[in-house]
């Protein structure tokens, strides 16, 4: 997840998909709550979900009730990260 000029990325290893995805959603909710408390905006349109690895995940995450798109690659600090690392 990214926020304004100061980027924030949340990583979570998911082995037990349902439990781990729930924990990741809770972590993202806590980060959004912290950002709101400090009056920081989050550009939801710049946020996405990138599943890395061979296992297929049914990852449905959201920010403020907006479902984040699942992508096959994302650029982070000028480096393209892809799902098939």
Protein backbone atom coordinates (compact mmCIF):
# COMPACT_ATOMS: atom_id res chain seq x y z
CA UNK A 1 0.00 0.00 0.00
CA UNK A 2 1.35 3.42 -0.86
CA UNK A 3 0.61 6.81 0.67
CA UNK A 4 1.40 10.09 -1.04
CA UNK A 5 5.04 11.02 -1.53
CA UNK A 6 6.04 8.83 1.41
CA UNK A 7 5.38 5.30 0.23
CA UNK A 8 4.25 2.57 2.58
CA UNK A 9 4.29 -1.06 1.57
CA UNK A 10 2.67 -3.82 3.59
CA UNK A 11 3.99 -7.38 3.16
CA UNK A 12 2.41 -10.54 4.58
CA UNK A 13 3.42 -14.14 3.99
CA UNK A 14 0.28 -16.17 3.34
CA UNK A 15 0.38 -19.89 3.99
CA UNK A 16 -3.07 -20.33 5.51
CA UNK A 17 -4.82 -18.12 2.98
CA UNK A 18 -8.01 -17.23 4.88
CA UNK A 19 -6.32 -16.48 8.21
CA UNK A 20 -3.31 -14.68 6.73
CA UNK A 21 -5.37 -12.54 4.35
CA UNK A 22 -7.61 -11.56 7.27
CA UNK A 23 -4.50 -10.58 9.27
CA UNK A 24 -3.22 -8.55 6.31
CA UNK A 25 -6.57 -6.75 6.00
CA UNK A 26 -6.48 -5.95 9.73
CA UNK A 27 -2.93 -4.59 9.38
CA UNK A 28 -4.00 -2.41 6.46
CA UNK A 29 -7.04 -1.17 8.40
CA UNK A 30 -4.75 -0.23 11.31
CA UNK A 31 -2.42 1.65 8.95
CA UNK A 32 -5.36 3.54 7.43
CA UNK A 33 -6.64 4.37 10.91
CA UNK A 34 -3.18 5.70 11.85
CA UNK A 35 -3.02 7.75 8.63
CA UNK A 36 -6.46 9.24 9.33
CA UNK A 37 -5.46 10.07 12.91
CA UNK A 38 -2.43 11.98 11.62
CA UNK A 39 -4.50 13.55 8.81
CA UNK A 40 -2.51 11.81 6.08
CA UNK A 41 -4.24 10.94 2.84
CA UNK A 42 -3.98 7.56 1.16
CA UNK A 43 -4.16 7.44 -2.64
CA UNK A 44 -6.28 4.33 -2.99
CA UNK A 45 -6.04 4.57 -6.79
CA UNK A 46 -2.27 3.96 -6.46
CA UNK A 47 -2.71 0.88 -4.26
CA UNK A 48 -2.72 -2.72 -5.47
CA UNK A 49 -2.24 -6.32 -4.41
CA UNK A 50 0.72 -8.27 -5.77
CA UNK A 51 0.78 -11.99 -4.98
CA UNK A 52 4.37 -13.25 -5.24
CA UNK A 53 5.09 -16.94 -5.77
CA UNK A 54 3.71 -19.99 -7.54
CA UNK A 55 0.68 -20.63 -5.34
CA UNK A 56 -2.55 -19.08 -6.56
CA UNK A 57 -4.18 -16.90 -3.94
CA UNK A 58 -7.71 -15.58 -3.85
CA UNK A 59 -6.74 -12.28 -2.24
CA UNK A 60 -9.49 -9.71 -1.82
CA UNK A 61 -8.25 -6.68 0.10
CA UNK A 62 -9.80 -3.24 0.44
CA UNK A 63 -9.14 0.25 1.68
CA UNK A 64 -12.14 2.26 2.87
CA UNK A 65 -14.49 -0.24 1.16
CA UNK A 66 -12.64 0.07 -2.17
CA UNK A 67 -11.41 -3.32 -3.39
CA UNK A 68 -7.78 -3.19 -4.48
CA UNK A 69 -6.89 -4.59 -7.91
CA UNK A 70 -4.71 -7.71 -8.07
CA UNK A 71 -1.80 -7.09 -10.45
CA UNK A 72 0.96 -9.25 -11.95
CA UNK A 73 3.67 -6.61 -11.46
CA UNK A 74 4.21 -3.33 -9.63
CA UNK A 75 6.94 -0.71 -9.64
CA UNK A 76 8.59 0.01 -6.29
CA UNK A 77 11.25 2.72 -6.08
CA UNK A 78 11.90 2.32 -9.80
CA UNK A 79 12.20 -1.48 -9.66
CA UNK A 80 9.60 -3.63 -11.36
CA UNK A 81 8.53 -6.48 -9.06
CA UNK A 82 6.60 -9.32 -10.67
CA UNK A 83 4.48 -12.14 -9.31
CA UNK A 84 6.81 -14.86 -10.65
CA UNK A 85 9.88 -14.07 -8.56
